[in-house]
Amino acid sequence: VGVGPGPYTGLRVGLVTAAAFSSALGVPVHGLCTLDGLA
């Protein structure tokens, strides 16, 4: 999941969804800076 930087509301949508999948499936979440993805 991209952790930002980003505006408050939009950014949380992805992070909460990633956390929900991780909890339900028992798999790890790997955070990356959003700018690093573009780079």
ModelCIF file with pLDDT and N, C-alpha, C, O atoms, coordinates in Angstrom:
data_MODEL
#
_entry.id   MODEL 
#
_entity.id                         1 
_entity.type                       polymer 
_entity.pdbx_number_of_molecules   1 
#
_entity_poly.entity_id                      1 
_entity_poly.type                           'polypeptide(L)' 
_entity_poly.nstd_linkage                   no 
_entity_poly.nstd_monomer                   no 
_entity_poly.pdbx_seq_one_letter_code       VGVGPGPYTGLRVGLVTAAAFSSALGVPVHGLCTLDGLA 
_entity_poly.pdbx_seq_one_letter_code_can   VGVGPGPYTGLRVGLVTAAAFSSALGVPVHGLCTLDGLA 
_entity_poly.pdbx_strand_id                 A 
#
loop_
_entity_poly_seq.entity_id 
_entity_poly_seq.num 
_entity_poly_seq.mon_id 
_entity_poly_seq.hetero 
1 1  VAL n 
1 2  GLY n 
1 3  VAL n 
1 4  GLY n 
1 5  PRO n 
1 6  GLY n 
1 7  PRO n 
1 8  TYR n 
1 9  THR n 
1 10 GLY n 
1 11 LEU n 
1 12 ARG n 
1 13 VAL n 
1 14 GLY n 
1 15 LEU n 
1 16 VAL n 
1 17 THR n 
1 18 ALA n 
1 19 ALA n 
1 20 ALA n 
1 21 PHE n 
1 22 SER n 
1 23 SER n 
1 24 ALA n 
1 25 LEU n 
1 26 GLY n 
1 27 VAL n 
1 28 PRO n 
1 29 VAL n 
1 30 HIS n 
1 31 GLY n 
1 32 LEU n 
1 33 CYS n 
1 34 THR n 
1 35 LEU n 
1 36 ASP n 
1 37 GLY n 
1 38 LEU n 
1 39 ALA n 
#
_struct_asym.id          A 
_struct_asym.entity_id   1 
#
loop_
_ma_qa_metric.id 
_ma_qa_metric.mode 
_ma_qa_metric.name 
_ma_qa_metric.software_group_id 
_ma_qa_metric.type 
1 global pLDDT . pLDDT 
2 local  pLDDT . pLDDT 
#
_ma_qa_metric_global.metric_id      1 
_ma_qa_metric_global.metric_value   95.97 
_ma_qa_metric_global.model_id       1 
_ma_qa_metric_global.ordinal_id     1 
#
loop_
_ma_qa_metric_local.label_asym_id 
_ma_qa_metric_local.label_comp_id 
_ma_qa_metric_local.label_seq_id 
_ma_qa_metric_local.metric_id 
_ma_qa_metric_local.metric_value 
_ma_qa_metric_local.model_id 
_ma_qa_metric_local.ordinal_id 
A VAL 1  2 98.00 1 1  
A GLY 2  2 98.00 1 2  
A VAL 3  2 98.00 1 3  
A GLY 4  2 97.00 1 4  
A PRO 5  2 97.00 1 5  
A GLY 6  2 93.00 1 6  
A PRO 7  2 85.00 1 7  
A TYR 8  2 83.00 1 8  
A THR 9  2 84.00 1 9  
A GLY 10 2 91.00 1 10 
A LEU 11 2 93.00 1 11 
A ARG 12 2 94.00 1 12 
A VAL 13 2 96.00 1 13 
A GLY 14 2 97.00 1 14 
A LEU 15 2 97.00 1 15 
A VAL 16 2 97.00 1 16 
A THR 17 2 97.00 1 17 
A ALA 18 2 98.00 1 18 
A ALA 19 2 97.00 1 19 
A ALA 20 2 97.00 1 20 
A PHE 21 2 97.00 1 21 
A SER 22 2 97.00 1 22 
A SER 23 2 97.00 1 23 
A ALA 24 2 97.00 1 24 
A LEU 25 2 97.00 1 25 
A GLY 26 2 97.00 1 26 
A VAL 27 2 98.00 1 27 
A PRO 28 2 98.00 1 28 
A VAL 29 2 98.00 1 29 
A HIS 30 2 98.00 1 30 
A GLY 31 2 98.00 1 31 
A LEU 32 2 98.00 1 32 
A CYS 33 2 98.00 1 33 
A THR 34 2 98.00 1 34 
A LEU 35 2 98.00 1 35 
A ASP 36 2 98.00 1 36 
A GLY 37 2 98.00 1 37 
A LEU 38 2 98.00 1 38 
A ALA 39 2 98.00 1 39 
#
loop_
_atom_site.group_PDB 
_atom_site.id 
_atom_site.type_symbol 
_atom_site.label_atom_id 
_atom_site.label_alt_id 
_atom_site.label_comp_id 
_atom_site.label_asym_id 
_atom_site.label_entity_id 
_atom_site.label_seq_id 
_atom_site.pdbx_PDB_ins_code 
_atom_site.Cartn_x 
_atom_site.Cartn_y 
_atom_site.Cartn_z 
_atom_site.occupancy 
_atom_site.B_iso_or_equiv 
_atom_site.pdbx_formal_charge 
_atom_site.auth_seq_id 
_atom_site.auth_comp_id 
_atom_site.auth_asym_id 
_atom_site.auth_atom_id 
_atom_site.pdbx_PDB_model_num 
ATOM 1   N N  . VAL A 1 1  ? 0.830  -1.203  0.000   1.00 98.00 ? 1  VAL A N  1 
ATOM 2   C CA . VAL A 1 1  ? 0.000  0.000   0.000   1.00 98.00 ? 1  VAL A CA 1 
ATOM 3   C C  . VAL A 1 1  ? 0.864  1.252   0.000   1.00 98.00 ? 1  VAL A C  1 
ATOM 4   O O  . VAL A 1 1  ? 1.872  1.333   0.702   1.00 98.00 ? 1  VAL A O  1 
ATOM 5   N N  . GLY A 1 2  ? 0.447  2.226   -0.803  1.00 98.00 ? 2  GLY A N  1 
ATOM 6   C CA . GLY A 1 2  ? 1.105  3.524   -0.782  1.00 98.00 ? 2  GLY A CA 1 
ATOM 7   C C  . GLY A 1 2  ? 0.682  4.297   0.452   1.00 98.00 ? 2  GLY A C  1 
ATOM 8   O O  . GLY A 1 2  ? -0.512 4.473   0.693   1.00 98.00 ? 2  GLY A O  1 
ATOM 9   N N  . VAL A 1 3  ? 1.653  4.766   1.244   1.00 98.00 ? 3  VAL A N  1 
ATOM 10  C CA . VAL A 1 3  ? 1.351  5.439   2.510   1.00 98.00 ? 3  VAL A CA 1 
ATOM 11  C C  . VAL A 1 3  ? 1.316  6.957   2.369   1.00 98.00 ? 3  VAL A C  1 
ATOM 12  O O  . VAL A 1 3  ? 1.164  7.669   3.362   1.00 98.00 ? 3  VAL A O  1 
ATOM 13  N N  . GLY A 1 4  ? 1.453  7.453   1.148   1.00 97.00 ? 4  GLY A N  1 
ATOM 14  C CA . GLY A 1 4  ? 1.467  8.887   0.942   1.00 97.00 ? 4  GLY A CA 1 
ATOM 15  C C  . GLY A 1 4  ? 2.876  9.395   0.697   1.00 97.00 ? 4  GLY A C  1 
ATOM 16  O O  . GLY A 1 4  ? 3.794  8.612   0.453   1.00 97.00 ? 4  GLY A O  1 
ATOM 17  N N  . PRO A 1 5  ? 3.039  10.692  0.763   1.00 97.00 ? 5  PRO A N  1 
ATOM 18  C CA . PRO A 1 5  ? 2.107  11.699  1.272   1.00 97.00 ? 5  PRO A CA 1 
ATOM 19  C C  . PRO A 1 5  ? 0.902  11.897  0.367   1.00 97.00 ? 5  PRO A C  1 
ATOM 20  O O  . PRO A 1 5  ? 0.959  11.682  -0.844  1.00 97.00 ? 5  PRO A O  1 
ATOM 21  N N  . GLY A 1 6  ? -0.198 12.317  1.003   1.00 93.00 ? 6  GLY A N  1 
ATOM 22  C CA . GLY A 1 6  ? -1.417 12.561  0.260   1.00 93.00 ? 6  GLY A CA 1 
ATOM 23  C C  . GLY A 1 6  ? -2.451 13.222  1.141   1.00 93.00 ? 6  GLY A C  1 
ATOM 24  O O  . GLY A 1 6  ? -2.282 13.283  2.359   1.00 93.00 ? 6  GLY A O  1 
ATOM 25  N N  . PRO A 1 7  ? -3.528 13.721  0.540   1.00 85.00 ? 7  PRO A N  1 
ATOM 26  C CA . PRO A 1 7  ? -4.607 14.334  1.310   1.00 85.00 ? 7  PRO A CA 1 
ATOM 27  C C  . PRO A 1 7  ? -5.247 13.333  2.272   1.00 85.00 ? 7  PRO A C  1 
ATOM 28  O O  . PRO A 1 7  ? -5.239 12.129  2.018   1.00 85.00 ? 7  PRO A O  1 
ATOM 29  N N  . TYR A 1 8  ? -5.788 13.824  3.349   1.00 83.00 ? 8  TYR A N  1 
ATOM 30  C CA . TYR A 1 8  ? -6.255 13.011  4.470   1.00 83.00 ? 8  TYR A CA 1 
ATOM 31  C C  . TYR A 1 8  ? -7.245 11.923  4.057   1.00 83.00 ? 8  TYR A C  1 
ATOM 32  O O  . TYR A 1 8  ? -6.993 10.740  4.287   1.00 83.00 ? 8  TYR A O  1 
ATOM 33  N N  . THR A 1 9  ? -8.363 12.309  3.453   1.00 84.00 ? 9  THR A N  1 
ATOM 34  C CA . THR A 1 9  ? -9.447 11.346  3.230   1.00 84.00 ? 9  THR A CA 1 
ATOM 35  C C  . THR A 1 9  ? -9.071 10.271  2.231   1.00 84.00 ? 9  THR A C  1 
ATOM 36  O O  . THR A 1 9  ? -9.208 9.083   2.525   1.00 84.00 ? 9  THR A O  1 
ATOM 37  N N  . GLY A 1 10 ? -8.597 10.662  1.054   1.00 91.00 ? 10 GLY A N  1 
ATOM 38  C CA . GLY A 1 10 ? -8.249 9.689   0.035   1.00 91.00 ? 10 GLY A CA 1 
ATOM 39  C C  . GLY A 1 10 ? -7.186 8.717   0.500   1.00 91.00 ? 10 GLY A C  1 
ATOM 40  O O  . GLY A 1 10 ? -7.294 7.518   0.246   1.00 91.00 ? 10 GLY A O  1 
ATOM 41  N N  . LEU A 1 11 ? -6.174 9.204   1.170   1.00 93.00 ? 11 LEU A N  1 
ATOM 42  C CA . LEU A 1 11 ? -5.077 8.365   1.633   1.00 93.00 ? 11 LEU A CA 1 
ATOM 43  C C  . LEU A 1 11 ? -5.571 7.282   2.589   1.00 93.00 ? 11 LEU A C  1 
ATOM 44  O O  . LEU A 1 11 ? -5.120 6.139   2.515   1.00 93.00 ? 11 LEU A O  1 
ATOM 45  N N  . ARG A 1 12 ? -6.485 7.631   3.477   1.00 94.00 ? 12 ARG A N  1 
ATOM 46  C CA . ARG A 1 12 ? -6.958 6.669   4.473   1.00 94.00 ? 12 ARG A CA 1 
ATOM 47  C C  . ARG A 1 12 ? -7.763 5.534   3.840   1.00 94.00 ? 12 ARG A C  1 
ATOM 48  O O  . ARG A 1 12 ? -7.792 4.425   4.374   1.00 94.00 ? 12 ARG A O  1 
ATOM 49  N N  . VAL A 1 13 ? -8.411 5.799   2.716   1.00 96.00 ? 13 VAL A N  1 
ATOM 50  C CA . VAL A 1 13 ? -9.200 4.746   2.056   1.00 96.00 ? 13 VAL A CA 1 
ATOM 51  C C  . VAL A 1 13 ? -8.308 3.544   1.738   1.00 96.00 ? 13 VAL A C  1 
ATOM 52  O O  . VAL A 1 13 ? -8.652 2.406   2.057   1.00 96.00 ? 13 VAL A O  1 
ATOM 53  N N  . GLY A 1 14 ? -7.178 3.801   1.115   1.00 97.00 ? 14 GLY A N  1 
ATOM 54  C CA . GLY A 1 14 ? -6.275 2.718   0.756   1.00 97.00 ? 14 GLY A CA 1 
ATOM 55  C C  . GLY A 1 14 ? -5.667 2.035   1.960   1.00 97.00 ? 14 GLY A C  1 
ATOM 56  O O  . GLY A 1 14 ? -5.553 0.810   1.985   1.00 97.00 ? 14 GLY A O  1 
ATOM 57  N N  . LEU A 1 15 ? -5.274 2.807   2.958   1.00 97.00 ? 15 LEU A N  1 
ATOM 58  C CA . LEU A 1 15 ? -4.629 2.231   4.135   1.00 97.00 ? 15 LEU A CA 1 
ATOM 59  C C  . LEU A 1 15 ? -5.604 1.379   4.954   1.00 97.00 ? 15 LEU A C  1 
ATOM 60  O O  . LEU A 1 15 ? -5.242 0.302   5.428   1.00 97.00 ? 15 LEU A O  1 
ATOM 61  N N  . VAL A 1 16 ? -6.823 1.856   5.117   1.00 97.00 ? 16 VAL A N  1 
ATOM 62  C CA . VAL A 1 16 ? -7.812 1.083   5.872   1.00 97.00 ? 16 VAL A CA 1 
ATOM 63  C C  . VAL A 1 16 ? -8.160 -0.198  5.118   1.00 97.00 ? 16 VAL A C  1 
ATOM 64  O O  . VAL A 1 16 ? -8.318 -1.254  5.730   1.00 97.00 ? 16 VAL A O  1 
ATOM 65  N N  . THR A 1 17 ? -8.280 -0.112  3.798   1.00 97.00 ? 17 THR A N  1 
ATOM 66  C CA . THR A 1 17 ? -8.589 -1.303  2.997   1.00 97.00 ? 17 THR A CA 1 
ATOM 67  C C  . THR A 1 17 ? -7.463 -2.322  3.098   1.00 97.00 ? 17 THR A C  1 
ATOM 68  O O  . THR A 1 17 ? -7.718 -3.516  3.254   1.00 97.00 ? 17 THR A O  1 
ATOM 69  N N  . ALA A 1 18 ? -6.217 -1.859  3.008   1.00 98.00 ? 18 ALA A N  1 
ATOM 70  C CA . ALA A 1 18 ? -5.067 -2.762  3.125   1.00 98.00 ? 18 ALA A CA 1 
ATOM 71  C C  . ALA A 1 18 ? -5.053 -3.433  4.491   1.00 98.00 ? 18 ALA A C  1 
ATOM 72  O O  . ALA A 1 18 ? -4.787 -4.631  4.594   1.00 98.00 ? 18 ALA A O  1 
ATOM 73  N N  . ALA A 1 19 ? -5.339 -2.668  5.541   1.00 97.00 ? 19 ALA A N  1 
ATOM 74  C CA . ALA A 1 19 ? -5.361 -3.232  6.893   1.00 97.00 ? 19 ALA A CA 1 
ATOM 75  C C  . ALA A 1 19 ? -6.468 -4.262  7.045   1.00 97.00 ? 19 ALA A C  1 
ATOM 76  O O  . ALA A 1 19 ? -6.287 -5.281  7.712   1.00 97.00 ? 19 ALA A O  1 
ATOM 77  N N  . ALA A 1 20 ? -7.611 -3.998  6.428   1.00 97.00 ? 20 ALA A N  1 
ATOM 78  C CA . ALA A 1 20 ? -8.729 -4.942  6.511   1.00 97.00 ? 20 ALA A CA 1 
ATOM 79  C C  . ALA A 1 20 ? -8.387 -6.258  5.816   1.00 97.00 ? 20 ALA A C  1 
ATOM 80  O O  . ALA A 1 20 ? -8.666 -7.332  6.350   1.00 97.00 ? 20 ALA A O  1 
ATOM 81  N N  . PHE A 1 21 ? -7.785 -6.180  4.627   1.00 97.00 ? 21 PHE A N  1 
ATOM 82  C CA . PHE A 1 21 ? -7.383 -7.396  3.928   1.00 97.00 ? 21 PHE A CA 1 
ATOM 83  C C  . PHE A 1 21 ? -6.345 -8.167  4.736   1.00 97.00 ? 21 PHE A C  1 
ATOM 84  O O  . PHE A 1 21 ? -6.412 -9.393  4.833   1.00 97.00 ? 21 PHE A O  1 
ATOM 85  N N  . SER A 1 22 ? -5.390 -7.452  5.312   1.00 97.00 ? 22 SER A N  1 
ATOM 86  C CA . SER A 1 22 ? -4.348 -8.094  6.106   1.00 97.00 ? 22 SER A CA 1 
ATOM 87  C C  . SER A 1 22 ? -4.934 -8.848  7.286   1.00 97.00 ? 22 SER A C  1 
ATOM 88  O O  . SER A 1 22 ? -4.550 -9.985  7.558   1.00 97.00 ? 22 SER A O  1 
ATOM 89  N N  . SER A 1 23 ? -5.875 -8.205  7.992   1.00 97.00 ? 23 SER A N  1 
ATOM 90  C CA . SER A 1 23 ? -6.489 -8.833  9.157   1.00 97.00 ? 23 SER A CA 1 
ATOM 91  C C  . SER A 1 23 ? -7.333 -10.045 8.767   1.00 97.00 ? 23 SER A C  1 
ATOM 92  O O  . SER A 1 23 ? -7.292 -11.080 9.433   1.00 97.00 ? 23 SER A O  1 
ATOM 93  N N  . ALA A 1 24 ? -8.097 -9.908  7.684   1.00 97.00 ? 24 ALA A N  1 
ATOM 94  C CA . ALA A 1 24 ? -8.993 -10.986 7.285   1.00 97.00 ? 24 ALA A CA 1 
ATOM 95  C C  . ALA A 1 24 ? -8.247 -12.189 6.726   1.00 97.00 ? 24 ALA A C  1 
ATOM 96  O O  . ALA A 1 24 ? -8.660 -13.331 6.925   1.00 97.00 ? 24 ALA A O  1 
ATOM 97  N N  . LEU A 1 25 ? -7.137 -11.926 6.020   1.00 97.00 ? 25 LEU A N  1 
ATOM 98  C CA . LEU A 1 25 ? -6.421 -12.997 5.331   1.00 97.00 ? 25 LEU A CA 1 
ATOM 99  C C  . LEU A 1 25 ? -5.189 -13.488 6.086   1.00 97.00 ? 25 LEU A C  1 
ATOM 100 O O  . LEU A 1 25 ? -4.624 -14.528 5.746   1.00 97.00 ? 25 LEU A O  1 
ATOM 101 N N  . GLY A 1 26 ? -4.772 -12.747 7.103   1.00 97.00 ? 26 GLY A N  1 
ATOM 102 C CA . GLY A 1 26 ? -3.580 -13.140 7.846   1.00 97.00 ? 26 GLY A CA 1 
ATOM 103 C C  . GLY A 1 26 ? -2.305 -12.981 7.057   1.00 97.00 ? 26 GLY A C  1 
ATOM 104 O O  . GLY A 1 26 ? -1.388 -13.791 7.190   1.00 97.00 ? 26 GLY A O  1 
ATOM 105 N N  . VAL A 1 27 ? -2.228 -11.935 6.226   1.00 98.00 ? 27 VAL A N  1 
ATOM 106 C CA . VAL A 1 27 ? -1.025 -11.686 5.418   1.00 98.00 ? 27 VAL A CA 1 
ATOM 107 C C  . VAL A 1 27 ? -0.450 -10.327 5.799   1.00 98.00 ? 27 VAL A C  1 
ATOM 108 O O  . VAL A 1 27 ? -1.178 -9.471  6.301   1.00 98.00 ? 27 VAL A O  1 
ATOM 109 N N  . PRO A 1 28 ? 0.843  -10.114 5.569   1.00 98.00 ? 28 PRO A N  1 
ATOM 110 C CA . PRO A 1 28 ? 1.464  -8.836  5.946   1.00 98.00 ? 28 PRO A CA 1 
ATOM 111 C C  . PRO A 1 28 ? 1.105  -7.705  4.999   1.00 98.00 ? 28 PRO A C  1 
ATOM 112 O O  . PRO A 1 28 ? 0.763  -7.923  3.837   1.00 98.00 ? 28 PRO A O  1 
ATOM 113 N N  . VAL A 1 29 ? 1.193  -6.486  5.528   1.00 98.00 ? 29 VAL A N  1 
ATOM 114 C CA . VAL A 1 29 ? 1.039  -5.279  4.715   1.00 98.00 ? 29 VAL A CA 1 
ATOM 115 C C  . VAL A 1 29 ? 2.399  -4.604  4.606   1.00 98.00 ? 29 VAL A C  1 
ATOM 116 O O  . VAL A 1 29 ? 3.064  -4.373  5.615   1.00 98.00 ? 29 VAL A O  1 
ATOM 117 N N  . HIS A 1 30 ? 2.812  -4.289  3.381   1.00 98.00 ? 30 HIS A N  1 
ATOM 118 C CA . HIS A 1 30 ? 4.092  -3.633  3.131   1.00 98.00 ? 30 HIS A CA 1 
ATOM 119 C C  . HIS A 1 30 ? 3.826  -2.209  2.674   1.00 98.00 ? 30 HIS A C  1 
ATOM 120 O O  . HIS A 1 30 ? 3.256  -1.994  1.604   1.00 98.00 ? 30 HIS A O  1 
ATOM 121 N N  . GLY A 1 31 ? 4.237  -1.231  3.482   1.00 98.00 ? 31 GLY A N  1 
ATOM 122 C CA . GLY A 1 31 ? 4.037  0.160   3.121   1.00 98.00 ? 31 GLY A CA 1 
ATOM 123 C C  . GLY A 1 31 ? 5.183  0.701   2.283   1.00 98.00 ? 31 GLY A C  1 
ATOM 124 O O  . GLY A 1 31 ? 6.348  0.388   2.529   1.00 98.00 ? 31 GLY A O  1 
ATOM 125 N N  . LEU A 1 32 ? 4.845  1.515   1.294   1.00 98.00 ? 32 LEU A N  1 
ATOM 126 C CA . LEU A 1 32 ? 5.840  2.190   0.467   1.00 98.00 ? 32 LEU A CA 1 
ATOM 127 C C  . LEU A 1 32 ? 5.427  3.649   0.273   1.00 98.00 ? 32 LEU A C  1 
ATOM 128 O O  . LEU A 1 32 ? 4.239  3.961   0.187   1.00 98.00 ? 32 LEU A O  1 
ATOM 129 N N  . CYS A 1 33 ? 6.401  4.522   0.206   1.00 98.00 ? 33 CYS A N  1 
ATOM 130 C CA . CYS A 1 33 ? 6.127  5.925   -0.093  1.00 98.00 ? 33 CYS A CA 1 
ATOM 131 C C  . CYS A 1 33 ? 5.527  6.030   -1.496  1.00 98.00 ? 33 CYS A C  1 
ATOM 132 O O  . CYS A 1 33 ? 6.072  5.481   -2.454  1.00 98.00 ? 33 CYS A O  1 
ATOM 133 N N  . THR A 1 34 ? 4.412  6.732   -1.610  1.00 98.00 ? 34 THR A N  1 
ATOM 134 C CA . THR A 1 34 ? 3.759  6.906   -2.906  1.00 98.00 ? 34 THR A CA 1 
ATOM 135 C C  . THR A 1 34 ? 4.698  7.533   -3.930  1.00 98.00 ? 34 THR A C  1 
ATOM 136 O O  . THR A 1 34 ? 4.678  7.156   -5.101  1.00 98.00 ? 34 THR A O  1 
ATOM 137 N N  . LEU A 1 35 ? 5.514  8.479   -3.502  1.00 98.00 ? 35 LEU A N  1 
ATOM 138 C CA . LEU A 1 35 ? 6.455  9.122   -4.424  1.00 98.00 ? 35 LEU A CA 1 
ATOM 139 C C  . LEU A 1 35 ? 7.459  8.115   -4.978  1.00 98.00 ? 35 LEU A C  1 
ATOM 140 O O  . LEU A 1 35 ? 7.909  8.253   -6.116  1.00 98.00 ? 35 LEU A O  1 
ATOM 141 N N  . ASP A 1 36 ? 7.814  7.103   -4.184  1.00 98.00 ? 36 ASP A N  1 
ATOM 142 C CA . ASP A 1 36 ? 8.753  6.080   -4.643  1.00 98.00 ? 36 ASP A CA 1 
ATOM 143 C C  . ASP A 1 36 ? 8.162  5.256   -5.791  1.00 98.00 ? 36 ASP A C  1 
ATOM 144 O O  . ASP A 1 36 ? 8.885  4.824   -6.689  1.00 98.00 ? 36 ASP A O  1 
ATOM 145 N N  . GLY A 1 37 ? 6.841  5.043   -5.753  1.00 98.00 ? 37 GLY A N  1 
ATOM 146 C CA . GLY A 1 37 ? 6.200  4.326   -6.842  1.00 98.00 ? 37 GLY A CA 1 
ATOM 147 C C  . GLY A 1 37 ? 6.293  5.088   -8.149  1.00 98.00 ? 37 GLY A C  1 
ATOM 148 O O  . GLY A 1 37 ? 6.573  4.506   -9.196  1.00 98.00 ? 37 GLY A O  1 
ATOM 149 N N  . LEU A 1 38 ? 6.059  6.384   -8.090  1.00 98.00 ? 38 LEU A N  1 
ATOM 150 C CA . LEU A 1 38 ? 6.179  7.221   -9.287  1.00 98.00 ? 38 LEU A CA 1 
ATOM 151 C C  . LEU A 1 38 ? 7.619  7.251   -9.783  1.00 98.00 ? 38 LEU A C  1 
ATOM 152 O O  . LEU A 1 38 ? 7.871  7.189   -10.986 1.00 98.00 ? 38 LEU A O  1 
ATOM 153 N N  . ALA A 1 39 ? 8.553  7.345   -8.856  1.00 98.00 ? 39 ALA A N  1 
ATOM 154 C CA . ALA A 1 39 ? 9.959  7.358   -9.239  1.00 98.00 ? 39 ALA A CA 1 
ATOM 155 C C  . ALA A 1 39 ? 10.353 6.061   -9.926  1.00 98.00 ? 39 ALA A C  1 
ATOM 156 O O  . ALA A 1 39 ? 11.508 5.896   -10.319 1.00 98.00 ? 39 ALA A O  1 
#
